[in-house]
Amino acid sequence: MTAKNKVLQENLQKIRDNFDFFDRDGNGRIDEKEFAELILAIEPHAKIAEIEKGFIEIDADQDGSIDFNEFVSWWKLCWWQY
């Protein structure tokens, strides 16, 4: 494994760990309540309307939950450098 691939794999594992932490019921998806908990942990002063809007934008297939692939896409846009 190259150094770059190792870093990417480590980053993906960190994303998975965060996803699993906020997937409180362990169903492999983050619902709107779990997403709100995640955002409020990052930004305690976030407004509910902003959280709801963000959830809708991230839920690409509009099934009412965020799967891991949707989460990764969002994470890469917002947090990849961290």
PDB file of N, CA and C in Angstrom:
ATOM      1  N   MET A   1       0.852  -1.179   0.000  1.00  0.00           N
ATOM      2  CA  MET A   1       0.000   0.000   0.000  1.00  0.00           C
ATOM      3  C   MET A   1       0.895   1.238   0.000  1.00  0.00           C
ATOM      4  N   THR A   2       0.594   2.162  -0.886  1.00  0.00           N
ATOM      5  CA  THR A   2       1.380   3.382  -0.943  1.00  0.00           C
ATOM      6  C   THR A   2       1.026   4.275   0.245  1.00  0.00           C
ATOM      7  N   ALA A   3       1.894   5.243   0.506  1.00  0.00           N
ATOM      8  CA  ALA A   3       1.652   6.167   1.625  1.00  0.00           C
ATOM      9  C   ALA A   3       0.359   6.944   1.408  1.00  0.00           C
ATOM     10  N   LYS A   4       0.104   7.361   0.169  1.00  0.00           N
ATOM     11  CA  LYS A   4      -1.111   8.105  -0.131  1.00  0.00           C
ATOM     12  C   LYS A   4      -2.346   7.243   0.120  1.00  0.00           C
ATOM     13  N   ASN A   5      -2.301   5.996  -0.316  1.00  0.00           N
ATOM     14  CA  ASN A   5      -3.432   5.096  -0.089  1.00  0.00           C
ATOM     15  C   ASN A   5      -3.648   4.835   1.395  1.00  0.00           C
ATOM     16  N   LYS A   6      -2.563   4.747   2.139  1.00  0.00           N
ATOM     17  CA  LYS A   6      -2.676   4.534   3.576  1.00  0.00           C
ATOM     18  C   LYS A   6      -3.361   5.723   4.247  1.00  0.00           C
ATOM     19  N   VAL A   7      -2.985   6.932   3.850  1.00  0.00           N
ATOM     20  CA  VAL A   7      -3.604   8.140   4.405  1.00  0.00           C
ATOM     21  C   VAL A   7      -5.087   8.174   4.041  1.00  0.00           C
ATOM     22  N   LEU A   8      -5.409   7.867   2.788  1.00  0.00           N
ATOM     23  CA  LEU A   8      -6.815   7.851   2.364  1.00  0.00           C
ATOM     24  C   LEU A   8      -7.606   6.812   3.158  1.00  0.00           C
ATOM     25  N   GLN A   9      -7.012   5.642   3.362  1.00  0.00           N
ATOM     26  CA  GLN A   9      -7.673   4.595   4.123  1.00  0.00           C
ATOM     27  C   GLN A   9      -7.882   5.020   5.579  1.00  0.00           C
ATOM     28  N   GLU A  10      -6.892   5.672   6.165  1.00  0.00           N
ATOM     29  CA  GLU A  10      -7.026   6.164   7.539  1.00  0.00           C
ATOM     30  C   GLU A  10      -8.106   7.236   7.629  1.00  0.00           C
ATOM     31  N   ASN A  11      -8.164   8.134   6.643  1.00  0.00           N
ATOM     32  CA  ASN A  11      -9.202   9.170   6.627  1.00  0.00           C
ATOM     33  C   ASN A  11     -10.582   8.545   6.494  1.00  0.00           C
ATOM     34  N   LEU A  12     -10.691   7.550   5.624  1.00  0.00           N
ATOM     35  CA  LEU A  12     -11.977   6.878   5.438  1.00  0.00           C
ATOM     36  C   LEU A  12     -12.402   6.176   6.723  1.00  0.00           C
ATOM     37  N   GLN A  13     -11.451   5.607   7.437  1.00  0.00           N
ATOM     38  CA  GLN A  13     -11.782   4.955   8.711  1.00  0.00           C
ATOM     39  C   GLN A  13     -12.252   5.978   9.740  1.00  0.00           C
ATOM     40  N   LYS A  14     -11.639   7.151   9.763  1.00  0.00           N
ATOM     41  CA  LYS A  14     -12.083   8.208  10.680  1.00  0.00           C
ATOM     42  C   LYS A  14     -13.508   8.639  10.346  1.00  0.00           C
ATOM     43  N   ILE A  15     -13.796   8.753   9.044  1.00  0.00           N
ATOM     44  CA  ILE A  15     -15.149   9.119   8.623  1.00  0.00           C
ATOM     45  C   ILE A  15     -16.119   8.028   9.071  1.00  0.00           C
ATOM     46  N   ARG A  16     -15.753   6.769   8.866  1.00  0.00           N
ATOM     47  CA  ARG A  16     -16.602   5.645   9.286  1.00  0.00           C
ATOM     48  C   ARG A  16     -16.834   5.687  10.794  1.00  0.00           C
ATOM     49  N   ASP A  17     -15.797   5.956  11.554  1.00  0.00           N
ATOM     50  CA  ASP A  17     -15.930   6.029  13.013  1.00  0.00           C
ATOM     51  C   ASP A  17     -16.920   7.122  13.420  1.00  0.00           C
ATOM     52  N   ASN A  18     -16.829   8.282  12.773  1.00  0.00           N
ATOM     53  CA  ASN A  18     -17.768   9.371  13.060  1.00  0.00           C
ATOM     54  C   ASN A  18     -19.186   8.986  12.667  1.00  0.00           C
ATOM     55  N   PHE A  19     -19.329   8.392  11.506  1.00  0.00           N
ATOM     56  CA  PHE A  19     -20.650   7.955  11.054  1.00  0.00           C
ATOM     57  C   PHE A  19     -21.249   6.975  12.064  1.00  0.00           C
ATOM     58  N   ASP A  20     -20.469   5.971  12.429  1.00  0.00           N
ATOM     59  CA  ASP A  20     -20.966   4.950  13.362  1.00  0.00           C
ATOM     60  C   ASP A  20     -21.307   5.547  14.722  1.00  0.00           C
ATOM     61  N   PHE A  21     -20.521   6.523  15.174  1.00  0.00           N
ATOM     62  CA  PHE A  21     -20.790   7.146  16.464  1.00  0.00           C
ATOM     63  C   PHE A  21     -22.153   7.833  16.475  1.00  0.00           C
ATOM     64  N   PHE A  22     -22.483   8.528  15.393  1.00  0.00           N
ATOM     65  CA  PHE A  22     -23.749   9.265  15.355  1.00  0.00           C
ATOM     66  C   PHE A  22     -24.919   8.426  14.851  1.00  0.00           C
ATOM     67  N   ASP A  23     -24.635   7.257  14.322  1.00  0.00           N
ATOM     68  CA  ASP A  23     -25.687   6.312  13.953  1.00  0.00           C
ATOM     69  C   ASP A  23     -26.088   5.573  15.228  1.00  0.00           C
ATOM     70  N   ARG A  24     -26.808   6.280  16.087  1.00  0.00           N
ATOM     71  CA  ARG A  24     -27.099   5.804  17.443  1.00  0.00           C
ATOM     72  C   ARG A  24     -27.839   4.471  17.488  1.00  0.00           C
ATOM     73  N   ASP A  25     -28.740   4.239  16.525  1.00  0.00           N
ATOM     74  CA  ASP A  25     -29.499   2.994  16.555  1.00  0.00           C
ATOM     75  C   ASP A  25     -28.810   1.871  15.785  1.00  0.00           C
ATOM     76  N   GLY A  26     -27.666   2.169  15.155  1.00  0.00           N
ATOM     77  CA  GLY A  26     -26.871   1.148  14.491  1.00  0.00           C
ATOM     78  C   GLY A  26     -27.493   0.554  13.238  1.00  0.00           C
ATOM     79  N   ASN A  27     -28.399   1.296  12.594  1.00  0.00           N
ATOM     80  CA  ASN A  27     -29.061   0.754  11.415  1.00  0.00           C
ATOM     81  C   ASN A  27     -28.319   1.049  10.106  1.00  0.00           C
ATOM     82  N   GLY A  28     -27.142   1.667  10.212  1.00  0.00           N
ATOM     83  CA  GLY A  28     -26.356   1.952   9.016  1.00  0.00           C
ATOM     84  C   GLY A  28     -26.785   3.215   8.287  1.00  0.00           C
ATOM     85  N   ARG A  29     -27.637   4.007   8.934  1.00  0.00           N
ATOM     86  CA  ARG A  29     -28.138   5.243   8.340  1.00  0.00           C
ATOM     87  C   ARG A  29     -28.248   6.291   9.450  1.00  0.00           C
ATOM     88  N   ILE A  30     -28.105   7.546   9.077  1.00  0.00           N
ATOM     89  CA  ILE A  30     -28.264   8.635  10.041  1.00  0.00           C
ATOM     90  C   ILE A  30     -29.578   9.333   9.730  1.00  0.00           C
ATOM     91  N   ASP A  31     -30.481   9.312  10.700  1.00  0.00           N
ATOM     92  CA  ASP A  31     -31.761   9.993  10.499  1.00  0.00           C
ATOM     93  C   ASP A  31     -31.622  11.460  10.892  1.00  0.00           C
ATOM     94  N   GLU A  32     -32.692  12.194  10.749  1.00  0.00           N
ATOM     95  CA  GLU A  32     -32.621  13.642  10.982  1.00  0.00           C
ATOM     96  C   GLU A  32     -32.266  13.975  12.435  1.00  0.00           C
ATOM     97  N   LYS A  33     -32.769  13.211  13.374  1.00  0.00           N
ATOM     98  CA  LYS A  33     -32.442  13.448  14.783  1.00  0.00           C
ATOM     99  C   LYS A  33     -30.956  13.191  15.047  1.00  0.00           C
ATOM    100  N   GLU A  34     -30.441  12.094  14.516  1.00  0.00           N
ATOM    101  CA  GLU A  34     -29.024  11.778  14.699  1.00  0.00           C
ATOM    102  C   GLU A  34     -28.145  12.833  14.024  1.00  0.00           C
ATOM    103  N   PHE A  35     -28.582  13.304  12.857  1.00  0.00           N
ATOM    104  CA  PHE A  35     -27.833  14.352  12.158  1.00  0.00           C
ATOM    105  C   PHE A  35     -27.815  15.638  12.973  1.00  0.00           C
ATOM    106  N   ALA A  36     -28.935  15.970  13.574  1.00  0.00           N
ATOM    107  CA  ALA A  36     -28.997  17.168  14.417  1.00  0.00           C
ATOM    108  C   ALA A  36     -28.019  17.043  15.585  1.00  0.00           C
ATOM    109  N   GLU A  37     -27.935  15.856  16.188  1.00  0.00           N
ATOM    110  CA  GLU A  37     -26.979  15.641  17.279  1.00  0.00           C
ATOM    111  C   GLU A  37     -25.547  15.858  16.789  1.00  0.00           C
ATOM    112  N   LEU A  38     -25.250  15.365  15.596  1.00  0.00           N
ATOM    113  CA  LEU A  38     -23.919  15.521  15.021  1.00  0.00           C
ATOM    114  C   LEU A  38     -23.599  17.005  14.825  1.00  0.00           C
ATOM    115  N   ILE A  39     -24.493  17.725  14.175  1.00  0.00           N
ATOM    116  CA  ILE A  39     -24.249  19.149  13.902  1.00  0.00           C
ATOM    117  C   ILE A  39     -24.140  19.943  15.192  1.00  0.00           C
ATOM    118  N   LEU A  40     -25.008  19.670  16.145  1.00  0.00           N
ATOM    119  CA  LEU A  40     -24.961  20.410  17.415  1.00  0.00           C
ATOM    120  C   LEU A  40     -23.700  20.093  18.208  1.00  0.00           C
ATOM    121  N   ALA A  41     -23.129  18.908  18.015  1.00  0.00           N
ATOM    122  CA  ALA A  41     -21.852  18.586  18.657  1.00  0.00           C
ATOM    123  C   ALA A  41     -20.722  19.410  18.049  1.00  0.00           C
ATOM    124  N   ILE A  42     -20.828  19.672  16.754  1.00  0.00           N
ATOM    125  CA  ILE A  42     -19.813  20.459  16.048  1.00  0.00           C
ATOM    126  C   ILE A  42     -20.041  21.946  16.253  1.00  0.00           C
ATOM    127  N   GLU A  43     -21.302  22.351  16.129  1.00  0.00           N
ATOM    128  CA  GLU A  43     -21.676  23.771  16.209  1.00  0.00           C
ATOM    129  C   GLU A  43     -22.896  23.922  17.117  1.00  0.00           C
ATOM    130  N   PRO A  44     -22.657  24.091  18.437  1.00  0.00           N
ATOM    131  CA  PRO A  44     -23.763  24.133  19.399  1.00  0.00           C
ATOM    132  C   PRO A  44     -24.810  25.224  19.145  1.00  0.00           C
ATOM    133  N   HIS A  45     -24.460  26.252  18.406  1.00  0.00           N
ATOM    134  CA  HIS A  45     -25.396  27.352  18.172  1.00  0.00           C
ATOM    135  C   HIS A  45     -26.103  27.249  16.821  1.00  0.00           C
ATOM    136  N   ALA A  46     -25.968  26.109  16.159  1.00  0.00           N
ATOM    137  CA  ALA A  46     -26.641  25.936  14.864  1.00  0.00           C
ATOM    138  C   ALA A  46     -28.145  26.036  15.040  1.00  0.00           C
ATOM    139  N   LYS A  47     -28.782  26.617  14.060  1.00  0.00           N
ATOM    140  CA  LYS A  47     -30.235  26.772  14.096  1.00  0.00           C
ATOM    141  C   LYS A  47     -30.899  25.534  13.502  1.00  0.00           C
ATOM    142  N   ILE A  48     -32.026  25.152  14.074  1.00  0.00           N
ATOM    143  CA  ILE A  48     -32.741  23.961  13.631  1.00  0.00           C
ATOM    144  C   ILE A  48     -33.066  24.048  12.132  1.00  0.00           C
ATOM    145  N   ALA A  49     -33.488  25.200  11.658  1.00  0.00           N
ATOM    146  CA  ALA A  49     -33.814  25.359  10.235  1.00  0.00           C
ATOM    147  C   ALA A  49     -32.597  25.074   9.355  1.00  0.00           C
ATOM    148  N   GLU A  50     -31.416  25.492   9.795  1.00  0.00           N
ATOM    149  CA  GLU A  50     -30.192  25.238   9.040  1.00  0.00           C
ATOM    150  C   GLU A  50     -29.861  23.753   9.031  1.00  0.00           C
ATOM    151  N   ILE A  51     -30.063  23.102  10.172  1.00  0.00           N
ATOM    152  CA  ILE A  51     -29.809  21.670  10.277  1.00  0.00           C
ATOM    153  C   ILE A  51     -30.754  20.909   9.346  1.00  0.00           C
ATOM    154  N   GLU A  52     -32.026  21.275   9.367  1.00  0.00           N
ATOM    155  CA  GLU A  52     -33.010  20.611   8.505  1.00  0.00           C
ATOM    156  C   GLU A  52     -32.667  20.801   7.029  1.00  0.00           C
ATOM    157  N   LYS A  53     -32.269  22.006   6.671  1.00  0.00           N
ATOM    158  CA  LYS A  53     -31.897  22.291   5.277  1.00  0.00           C
ATOM    159  C   LYS A  53     -30.679  21.464   4.875  1.00  0.00           C
ATOM    160  N   GLY A  54     -29.674  21.413   5.752  1.00  0.00           N
ATOM    161  CA  GLY A  54     -28.485  20.631   5.475  1.00  0.00           C
ATOM    162  C   GLY A  54     -28.793  19.155   5.309  1.00  0.00           C
ATOM    163  N   PHE A  55     -29.670  18.645   6.164  1.00  0.00           N
ATOM    164  CA  PHE A  55     -30.051  17.233   6.083  1.00  0.00           C
ATOM    165  C   PHE A  55     -30.671  16.930   4.721  1.00  0.00           C
ATOM    166  N   ILE A  56     -31.580  17.779   4.292  1.00  0.00           N
ATOM    167  CA  ILE A  56     -32.251  17.577   2.996  1.00  0.00           C
ATOM    168  C   ILE A  56     -31.240  17.601   1.854  1.00  0.00           C
ATOM    169  N   GLU A  57     -30.281  18.504   1.926  1.00  0.00           N
ATOM    170  CA  GLU A  57     -29.262  18.606   0.873  1.00  0.00           C
ATOM    171  C   GLU A  57     -28.352  17.384   0.836  1.00  0.00           C
ATOM    172  N   ILE A  58     -28.007  16.849   1.978  1.00  0.00           N
ATOM    173  CA  ILE A  58     -27.099  15.702   2.049  1.00  0.00           C
ATOM    174  C   ILE A  58     -27.809  14.412   1.659  1.00  0.00           C
ATOM    175  N   ASP A  59     -29.076  14.295   1.985  1.00  0.00           N
ATOM    176  CA  ASP A  59     -29.868  13.103   1.679  1.00  0.00           C
ATOM    177  C   ASP A  59     -30.171  13.078   0.182  1.00  0.00           C
ATOM    178  N   ALA A  60     -29.175  12.726  -0.614  1.00  0.00           N
ATOM    179  CA  ALA A  60     -29.258  12.832  -2.076  1.00  0.00           C
ATOM    180  C   ALA A  60     -30.417  12.036  -2.676  1.00  0.00           C
ATOM    181  N   ASP A  61     -30.701  10.875  -2.129  1.00  0.00           N
ATOM    182  CA  ASP A  61     -31.787  10.071  -2.695  1.00  0.00           C
ATOM    183  C   ASP A  61     -33.138  10.366  -2.048  1.00  0.00           C
ATOM    184  N   GLN A  62     -33.149  11.323  -1.115  1.00  0.00           N
ATOM    185  CA  GLN A  62     -34.383  11.789  -0.471  1.00  0.00           C
ATOM    186  C   GLN A  62     -35.207  10.658   0.144  1.00  0.00           C
ATOM    187  N   ASP A  63     -34.503   9.721   0.795  1.00  0.00           N
ATOM    188  CA  ASP A  63     -35.220   8.617   1.447  1.00  0.00           C
ATOM    189  C   ASP A  63     -35.430   8.854   2.938  1.00  0.00           C
ATOM    190  N   GLY A  64     -35.070  10.044   3.413  1.00  0.00           N
ATOM    191  CA  GLY A  64     -35.291  10.386   4.814  1.00  0.00           C
ATOM    192  C   GLY A  64     -34.170   9.994   5.749  1.00  0.00           C
ATOM    193  N   SER A  65     -33.034   9.556   5.186  1.00  0.00           N
ATOM    194  CA  SER A  65     -31.875   9.234   6.005  1.00  0.00           C
ATOM    195  C   SER A  65     -30.609   9.416   5.173  1.00  0.00           C
ATOM    196  N   ILE A  66     -29.493   9.489   5.878  1.00  0.00           N
ATOM    197  CA  ILE A  66     -28.193   9.665   5.223  1.00  0.00           C
ATOM    198  C   ILE A  66     -27.440   8.354   5.332  1.00  0.00           C
ATOM    199  N   ASP A  67     -27.118   7.759   4.181  1.00  0.00           N
ATOM    200  CA  ASP A  67     -26.329   6.531   4.209  1.00  0.00           C
ATOM    201  C   ASP A  67     -24.840   6.897   4.234  1.00  0.00           C
ATOM    202  N   PHE A  68     -23.990   5.903   4.336  1.00  0.00           N
ATOM    203  CA  PHE A  68     -22.565   6.172   4.480  1.00  0.00           C
ATOM    204  C   PHE A  68     -22.004   6.900   3.267  1.00  0.00           C
ATOM    205  N   ASN A  69     -22.404   6.535   2.063  1.00  0.00           N
ATOM    206  CA  ASN A  69     -21.887   7.205   0.866  1.00  0.00           C
ATOM    207  C   ASN A  69     -22.273   8.680   0.835  1.00  0.00           C
ATOM    208  N   GLU A  70     -23.508   8.991   1.209  1.00  0.00           N
ATOM    209  CA  GLU A  70     -23.939  10.389   1.275  1.00  0.00           C
ATOM    210  C   GLU A  70     -23.131  11.132   2.333  1.00  0.00           C
ATOM    211  N   PHE A  71     -22.891  10.466   3.459  1.00  0.00           N
ATOM    212  CA  PHE A  71     -22.117  11.052   4.547  1.00  0.00           C
ATOM    213  C   PHE A  71     -20.693  11.354   4.105  1.00  0.00           C
ATOM    214  N   VAL A  72     -20.071  10.410   3.386  1.00  0.00           N
ATOM    215  CA  VAL A  72     -18.697  10.606   2.904  1.00  0.00           C
ATOM    216  C   VAL A  72     -18.637  11.795   1.952  1.00  0.00           C
ATOM    217  N   SER A  73     -19.597  11.888   1.047  1.00  0.00           N
ATOM    218  CA  SER A  73     -19.619  13.014   0.101  1.00  0.00           C
ATOM    219  C   SER A  73     -19.687  14.339   0.843  1.00  0.00           C
ATOM    220  N   TRP A  74     -20.552  14.411   1.841  1.00  0.00           N
ATOM    221  CA  TRP A  74     -20.689  15.630   2.640  1.00  0.00           C
ATOM    222  C   TRP A  74     -19.412  15.898   3.435  1.00  0.00           C
ATOM    223  N   TRP A  75     -18.880  14.868   4.074  1.00  0.00           N
ATOM    224  CA  TRP A  75     -17.688  15.021   4.905  1.00  0.00           C
ATOM    225  C   TRP A  75     -16.524  15.546   4.069  1.00  0.00           C
ATOM    226  N   LYS A  76     -16.359  14.994   2.875  1.00  0.00           N
ATOM    227  CA  LYS A  76     -15.260  15.431   2.010  1.00  0.00           C
ATOM    228  C   LYS A  76     -15.405  16.902   1.635  1.00  0.00           C
ATOM    229  N   LEU A  77     -16.605  17.352   1.411  1.00  0.00           N
ATOM    230  CA  LEU A  77     -16.820  18.765   1.079  1.00  0.00           C
ATOM    231  C   LEU A  77     -16.539  19.687   2.255  1.00  0.00           C
ATOM    232  N   CYS A  78     -16.926  19.268   3.442  1.00  0.00           N
ATOM    233  CA  CYS A  78     -16.880  20.153   4.610  1.00  0.00           C
ATOM    234  C   CYS A  78     -15.675  19.957   5.515  1.00  0.00           C
ATOM    235  N   TRP A  79     -15.217  18.731   5.667  1.00  0.00           N
ATOM    236  CA  TRP A  79     -14.284  18.432   6.757  1.00  0.00           C
ATOM    237  C   TRP A  79     -13.029  17.686   6.336  1.00  0.00           C
ATOM    238  N   TRP A  80     -12.860  17.393   5.078  1.00  0.00           N
ATOM    239  CA  TRP A  80     -11.768  16.505   4.663  1.00  0.00           C
ATOM    240  C   TRP A  80     -10.415  16.949   5.191  1.00  0.00           C
ATOM    241  N   GLN A  81     -10.171  18.259   5.235  1.00  0.00           N
ATOM    242  CA  GLN A  81      -8.865  18.745   5.684  1.00  0.00           C
ATOM    243  C   GLN A  81      -8.630  18.522   7.169  1.00  0.00           C
ATOM    244  N   TYR A  82      -9.668  18.197   7.931  1.00  0.00           N
ATOM    245  CA  TYR A  82      -9.512  17.982   9.363  1.00  0.00           C
ATOM    246  C   TYR A  82      -9.279  16.530   9.594  1.00  0.00           C
TER     247      TYR A  82
END
